[in-house]
Protein backbone atom coordinates (compact mmCIF):
# COMPACT_ATOMS: atom_id res chain seq x y z
CA MET A 1 -41.16 20.15 3.55
CA LYS A 2 -41.27 17.75 6.35
CA THR A 3 -44.75 16.06 6.01
CA LYS A 4 -45.85 14.60 2.77
CA TYR A 5 -49.41 14.96 2.08
CA PRO A 6 -51.63 13.69 -0.42
CA THR A 7 -52.21 17.08 -1.95
CA ASN A 8 -48.42 17.62 -2.62
CA LEU A 9 -47.52 18.01 -6.16
CA THR A 10 -45.36 15.78 -7.84
CA ASP A 11 -42.22 16.92 -9.55
CA ASN A 12 -43.73 16.27 -13.02
CA GLN A 13 -46.88 18.30 -11.89
CA TYR A 14 -44.82 21.02 -10.60
CA ASP A 15 -42.64 21.23 -13.87
CA THR A 16 -45.84 21.36 -16.19
CA ILE A 17 -46.77 24.40 -13.86
CA LEU A 18 -43.49 26.24 -14.30
CA ARG A 19 -43.79 25.55 -18.17
CA ILE A 20 -47.45 27.43 -17.88
CA ILE A 21 -46.10 30.25 -15.68
CA ASN A 22 -42.91 30.51 -17.13
CA ASP A 23 -41.60 32.87 -14.34
CA LYS A 24 -38.08 32.70 -13.20
CA ARG A 25 -37.94 35.15 -10.34
CA LYS A 26 -36.37 34.34 -7.43
CA ARG A 27 -38.72 33.59 -4.32
CA GLN A 28 -38.11 34.08 -0.70
CA SER A 29 -40.51 30.96 -0.04
CA SER A 30 -40.26 27.75 -2.84
CA LEU A 31 -43.08 28.21 -5.35
CA LYS A 32 -43.49 24.49 -5.27
CA GLU A 33 -44.24 24.60 -1.21
CA VAL A 34 -46.52 27.92 -1.74
CA LEU A 35 -48.74 25.74 -4.52
CA ASN A 36 -48.73 22.78 -2.17
CA ALA A 37 -49.94 24.95 0.53
CA ILE A 38 -52.60 26.18 -1.67
CA PHE A 39 -53.93 22.78 -2.75
CA TYR A 40 -53.75 21.54 0.66
CA LEU A 41 -56.29 24.48 1.58
CA LEU A 42 -58.65 23.91 -1.47
CA LYS A 43 -58.80 20.16 -0.54
CA THR A 44 -58.97 20.46 3.46
CA GLY A 45 -61.07 23.75 3.31
CA CYS A 46 -58.90 24.60 6.49
CA GLN A 47 -58.65 28.52 7.40
CA TRP A 48 -55.89 30.36 6.21
CA ARG A 49 -54.14 30.97 9.91
CA MET A 50 -54.40 27.19 10.37
CA LEU A 51 -52.25 26.10 7.73
CA PRO A 52 -49.74 23.58 8.95
CA ARG A 53 -46.13 24.99 9.89
CA ASP A 54 -44.72 22.79 7.05
CA PHE A 55 -46.01 25.37 4.67
CA PRO A 56 -44.60 29.10 4.25
CA LYS A 57 -46.31 31.70 6.19
CA TRP A 58 -50.06 31.59 5.67
CA GLU A 59 -49.56 35.41 4.53
CA ARG A 60 -47.48 34.32 1.83
CA VAL A 61 -49.48 31.48 0.50
CA TYR A 62 -52.64 33.96 0.79
CA TYR A 63 -50.74 36.58 -1.43
CA TYR A 64 -50.13 33.99 -3.96
CA PHE A 65 -53.25 32.56 -4.08
CA HIS A 66 -54.87 35.94 -4.65
CA LEU A 67 -52.29 37.13 -7.06
CA TYR A 68 -53.06 33.92 -9.21
CA ILE A 69 -56.90 34.35 -9.05
CA ILE A 70 -56.47 37.94 -10.56
CA LEU A 71 -54.03 36.66 -13.47
CA TRP A 72 -56.30 33.74 -14.13
CA ARG A 73 -59.37 36.17 -14.31
CA MET A 74 -57.34 38.47 -16.80
CA ARG A 75 -56.33 35.68 -18.77
CA ILE A 76 -59.76 34.50 -19.18
CA SER A 77 -61.62 37.99 -19.85
CA PRO A 78 -58.75 40.32 -20.62
CA ILE A 79 -59.71 44.16 -20.42
CA ASN A 80 -60.07 45.56 -23.70
CA PHE A 81 -59.12 49.32 -23.61
CA ASN A 82 -59.85 49.74 -27.42
């Protein structure tokens, strides 16, 4: 990332998130950059398609945002199939 935004994660914050997520998959985009983009969107309220070009493509950020929302909801209220 070329520009430093106030919403960017520090290395310590990112390491904490990685320990929580516990996911070691290889990705096309840096997870840190995707998370930085999500935090930028949440703070500024900009439209998805107006994300600065310093971040990964908006479609990829959108995908991860919705993926994590779904996973978070499942964690809070897991479906009981019994």
